[in-house]
Amino acid sequence: MTTRFKVGLLFLAIQVGLIVYARFIPERFFCWAPYDIHSKYEIQTTINGKLLSSTEAEQRYNYKSKGWEQRSIYNIISLVAQYERTYGANDNAQVEIIFAVNGNPEEKWTLKP
């Protein structure tokens, strides 16, 4: 086997490994399967007792604060949680994400300081 063949085989093996891994995590960033999850959501952020407007929340997370997400809701939860752990760590923010996946009953994810 040539080195070129080995590198190509390794590349394909890594891709297959990532696909298998992605099938078992909630975010599913590296899945090649079509999006089979649709989530309706709304992000509500309160800082020091003041509820942020939709525009303020969108500016805070650099993402729309309500609407439809064609991927897993955990993509949005991950985005918000990462922001609050880093840039917003000292803001004393309370965050609720109210969401419904594929038309099922609403659920709530909460992050408190």
Foldseek 3Di string as FASTA:
>chain_A
DDPVVVVVVVVVVVLVVLQVVLVPDQQSPSHPDFQPKKKWKAKWKAFPRRIDDQVRVCVQLVHGRTDMDSHGPVVVVVSVVVSCVPVVVPRQMKMKMWMDMPPHDIDIDIDGD
